[in-house]
Amino acid sequence: MPLRELVEVHKALADETRVRIVRVLMELGELCVCDVETGLALSQSRASRHMTQLRQAGILEDRRDGPWVYYRVAEPLSPVAGAALEALREATRRDPQVRQDVKATRASRRSPCRDA
């Protein structure tokens, strides 16, 4: 496991869109998939596909509330995923794209999504 998990976590984080999704969730906490779609300007299918990969790697977890799916950073994270996310946080702390994503997602947030 540790080697396999290391590879899976890094594969999941080897995509700019997935990194952007994780960083938004790290900053804003649990979000409905519709909030991520709007904030990052992603199609529903693209957002869902990326979030599924992150969930399968143990980085995100989800919960359903009727038709809505909410995602958050998994708790507890494995040591491998935790170390990767801390490195990711530090590496992207001042990244303009991450800042814009957080700002746009915060501004477009609809809670609950069923009010949309």
C-alpha atoms as a PDB file:
ATOM      1  CA  MET A   1       0.000   0.000   0.000  1.00  0.00           C
ATOM      2  CA  PRO A   2       2.070   3.041   0.697  1.00  0.00           C
ATOM      3  CA  LEU A   3       3.699   2.923  -2.771  1.00  0.00           C
ATOM      4  CA  ARG A   4       0.395   2.225  -4.529  1.00  0.00           C
ATOM      5  CA  GLU A   5      -1.335   4.948  -2.515  1.00  0.00           C
ATOM      6  CA  LEU A   6       1.491   7.380  -3.244  1.00  0.00           C
ATOM      7  CA  VAL A   7       1.070   6.770  -6.973  1.00  0.00           C
ATOM      8  CA  GLU A   8      -2.744   7.069  -6.825  1.00  0.00           C
ATOM      9  CA  VAL A   9      -2.671  10.311  -4.839  1.00  0.00           C
ATOM     10  CA  HIS A  10      -0.122  11.881  -7.150  1.00  0.00           C
ATOM     11  CA  LYS A  11      -1.980  10.718 -10.255  1.00  0.00           C
ATOM     12  CA  ALA A  12      -5.130  12.347  -8.891  1.00  0.00           C
ATOM     13  CA  LEU A  13      -3.240  15.594  -8.261  1.00  0.00           C
ATOM     14  CA  ALA A  14      -1.463  15.551 -11.632  1.00  0.00           C
ATOM     15  CA  ASP A  15      -4.191  17.582 -13.294  1.00  0.00           C
ATOM     16  CA  GLU A  16      -4.630  21.345 -13.050  1.00  0.00           C
ATOM     17  CA  THR A  17      -8.411  21.174 -12.772  1.00  0.00           C
ATOM     18  CA  ARG A  18      -8.267  18.650  -9.942  1.00  0.00           C
ATOM     19  CA  VAL A  19      -5.692  20.775  -8.110  1.00  0.00           C
ATOM     20  CA  ARG A  20      -7.992  23.792  -8.493  1.00  0.00           C
ATOM     21  CA  ILE A  21     -10.956  21.813  -7.129  1.00  0.00           C
ATOM     22  CA  VAL A  22      -8.984  20.577  -4.126  1.00  0.00           C
ATOM     23  CA  ARG A  23      -7.676  24.039  -3.312  1.00  0.00           C
ATOM     24  CA  VAL A  24     -11.164  25.559  -3.410  1.00  0.00           C
ATOM     25  CA  LEU A  25     -12.442  22.836  -1.092  1.00  0.00           C
ATOM     26  CA  MET A  26      -9.448  23.320   1.214  1.00  0.00           C
ATOM     27  CA  GLU A  27     -10.263  27.019   1.494  1.00  0.00           C
ATOM     28  CA  LEU A  28     -14.073  26.977   1.562  1.00  0.00           C
ATOM     29  CA  GLY A  29     -14.908  23.594   3.066  1.00  0.00           C
ATOM     30  CA  GLU A  30     -17.779  21.424   1.921  1.00  0.00           C
ATOM     31  CA  LEU A  31     -19.432  22.512  -1.312  1.00  0.00           C
ATOM     32  CA  CYS A  32     -22.158  21.231  -3.561  1.00  0.00           C
ATOM     33  CA  VAL A  33     -20.850  20.085  -6.916  1.00  0.00           C
ATOM     34  CA  CYS A  34     -22.939  22.855  -8.528  1.00  0.00           C
ATOM     35  CA  ASP A  35     -20.918  25.470  -6.605  1.00  0.00           C
ATOM     36  CA  VAL A  36     -17.667  23.980  -7.886  1.00  0.00           C
ATOM     37  CA  GLU A  37     -19.027  23.896 -11.443  1.00  0.00           C
ATOM     38  CA  THR A  38     -20.041  27.562 -11.313  1.00  0.00           C
ATOM     39  CA  GLY A  39     -16.983  28.863  -9.466  1.00  0.00           C
ATOM     40  CA  LEU A  40     -14.474  27.104 -11.712  1.00  0.00           C
ATOM     41  CA  ALA A  41     -16.581  27.389 -14.907  1.00  0.00           C
ATOM     42  CA  LEU A  42     -16.710  23.623 -15.423  1.00  0.00           C
ATOM     43  CA  SER A  43     -19.363  21.536 -17.100  1.00  0.00           C
ATOM     44  CA  GLN A  44     -21.299  19.168 -14.857  1.00  0.00           C
ATOM     45  CA  SER A  45     -19.753  16.091 -16.465  1.00  0.00           C
ATOM     46  CA  ARG A  46     -16.205  17.437 -16.222  1.00  0.00           C
ATOM     47  CA  ALA A  47     -16.582  18.459 -12.575  1.00  0.00           C
ATOM     48  CA  SER A  48     -18.143  15.129 -11.632  1.00  0.00           C
ATOM     49  CA  ARG A  49     -15.465  13.126 -13.437  1.00  0.00           C
ATOM     50  CA  HIS A  50     -12.639  15.002 -11.699  1.00  0.00           C
ATOM     51  CA  MET A  51     -14.274  14.848  -8.280  1.00  0.00           C
ATOM     52  CA  THR A  52     -14.863  11.116  -8.671  1.00  0.00           C
ATOM     53  CA  GLN A  53     -11.149  10.608  -9.356  1.00  0.00           C
ATOM     54  CA  LEU A  54     -10.249  12.627  -6.272  1.00  0.00           C
ATOM     55  CA  ARG A  55     -12.720  10.653  -4.165  1.00  0.00           C
ATOM     56  CA  GLN A  56     -11.363   7.330  -5.432  1.00  0.00           C
ATOM     57  CA  ALA A  57      -7.837   8.456  -4.474  1.00  0.00           C
ATOM     58  CA  GLY A  58      -9.017   9.140  -0.909  1.00  0.00           C
ATOM     59  CA  ILE A  59      -8.569  12.901  -1.189  1.00  0.00           C
ATOM     60  CA  LEU A  60     -12.257  13.864  -1.173  1.00  0.00           C
ATOM     61  CA  GLU A  61     -15.356  12.393   0.370  1.00  0.00           C
ATOM     62  CA  ASP A  62     -18.931  13.037  -0.582  1.00  0.00           C
ATOM     63  CA  ARG A  63     -22.406  12.971   0.849  1.00  0.00           C
ATOM     64  CA  ARG A  64     -25.780  13.051  -0.843  1.00  0.00           C
ATOM     65  CA  ASP A  65     -28.689  15.235   0.117  1.00  0.00           C
ATOM     66  CA  GLY A  66     -31.552  14.378  -2.204  1.00  0.00           C
ATOM     67  CA  PRO A  67     -30.370  15.073  -5.744  1.00  0.00           C
ATOM     68  CA  TRP A  68     -27.363  17.096  -4.581  1.00  0.00           C
ATOM     69  CA  VAL A  69     -23.858  15.796  -3.971  1.00  0.00           C
ATOM     70  CA  TYR A  70     -21.594  17.673  -1.576  1.00  0.00           C
ATOM     71  CA  TYR A  71     -17.814  17.228  -1.520  1.00  0.00           C
ATOM     72  CA  ARG A  72     -15.193  18.017   1.083  1.00  0.00           C
ATOM     73  CA  VAL A  73     -11.572  17.114   1.774  1.00  0.00           C
ATOM     74  CA  ALA A  74     -11.557  13.660   3.358  1.00  0.00           C
ATOM     75  CA  GLU A  75     -11.166  13.388   7.117  1.00  0.00           C
ATOM     76  CA  PRO A  76      -9.027  11.864   8.269  1.00  0.00           C
ATOM     77  CA  LEU A  77      -6.609  11.961   5.356  1.00  0.00           C
ATOM     78  CA  SER A  78      -4.058   9.219   5.049  1.00  0.00           C
ATOM     79  CA  PRO A  79      -0.490  10.312   5.857  1.00  0.00           C
ATOM     80  CA  VAL A  80       0.357  10.186   2.139  1.00  0.00           C
ATOM     81  CA  ALA A  81      -2.630  12.304   1.078  1.00  0.00           C
ATOM     82  CA  GLY A  82      -2.164  14.674   4.022  1.00  0.00           C
ATOM     83  CA  ALA A  83       1.466  15.334   3.124  1.00  0.00           C
ATOM     84  CA  ALA A  84       0.575  15.840  -0.534  1.00  0.00           C
ATOM     85  CA  LEU A  85      -2.180  18.329   0.323  1.00  0.00           C
ATOM     86  CA  GLU A  86       0.052  20.290   2.691  1.00  0.00           C
ATOM     87  CA  ALA A  87       2.696  20.538  -0.043  1.00  0.00           C
ATOM     88  CA  LEU A  88      -0.032  21.569  -2.484  1.00  0.00           C
ATOM     89  CA  ARG A  89      -1.306  24.254  -0.098  1.00  0.00           C
ATOM     90  CA  GLU A  90       2.173  25.689   0.345  1.00  0.00           C
ATOM     91  CA  ALA A  91       3.010  25.582  -3.369  1.00  0.00           C
ATOM     92  CA  THR A  92      -0.219  27.340  -4.380  1.00  0.00           C
ATOM     93  CA  ARG A  93      -0.636  29.703  -1.440  1.00  0.00           C
ATOM     94  CA  ARG A  94      -0.195  32.827  -3.573  1.00  0.00           C
ATOM     95  CA  ASP A  95      -1.232  31.422  -6.933  1.00  0.00           C
ATOM     96  CA  PRO A  96      -3.446  33.921  -8.796  1.00  0.00           C
ATOM     97  CA  GLN A  97      -5.597  31.187 -10.367  1.00  0.00           C
ATOM     98  CA  VAL A  98      -6.325  29.625  -6.981  1.00  0.00           C
ATOM     99  CA  ARG A  99      -7.173  33.025  -5.517  1.00  0.00           C
ATOM    100  CA  GLN A 100      -9.530  33.737  -8.419  1.00  0.00           C
ATOM    101  CA  ASP A 101     -11.166  30.306  -8.094  1.00  0.00           C
ATOM    102  CA  VAL A 102     -11.807  30.797  -4.378  1.00  0.00           C
ATOM    103  CA  LYS A 103     -13.156  34.303  -4.939  1.00  0.00           C
ATOM    104  CA  ALA A 104     -15.452  33.224  -7.803  1.00  0.00           C
ATOM    105  CA  THR A 105     -16.714  30.163  -5.949  1.00  0.00           C
ATOM    106  CA  ARG A 106     -17.392  32.143  -2.788  1.00  0.00           C
ATOM    107  CA  ALA A 107     -19.306  34.778  -4.801  1.00  0.00           C
ATOM    108  CA  SER A 108     -21.402  32.268  -6.740  1.00  0.00           C
ATOM    109  CA  ARG A 109     -22.171  29.927  -3.858  1.00  0.00           C
ATOM    110  CA  ARG A 110     -25.795  28.836  -3.599  1.00  0.00           C
ATOM    111  CA  SER A 111     -26.801  27.209  -0.392  1.00  0.00           C
ATOM    112  CA  PRO A 112     -28.658  25.022  -0.645  1.00  0.00           C
ATOM    113  CA  CYS A 113     -28.403  24.281  -4.339  1.00  0.00           C
ATOM    114  CA  ARG A 114     -32.086  23.429  -4.501  1.00  0.00           C
ATOM    115  CA  ASP A 115     -32.824  27.163  -4.316  1.00  0.00           C
ATOM    116  CA  ALA A 116     -31.194  27.535  -7.731  1.00  0.00           C
END
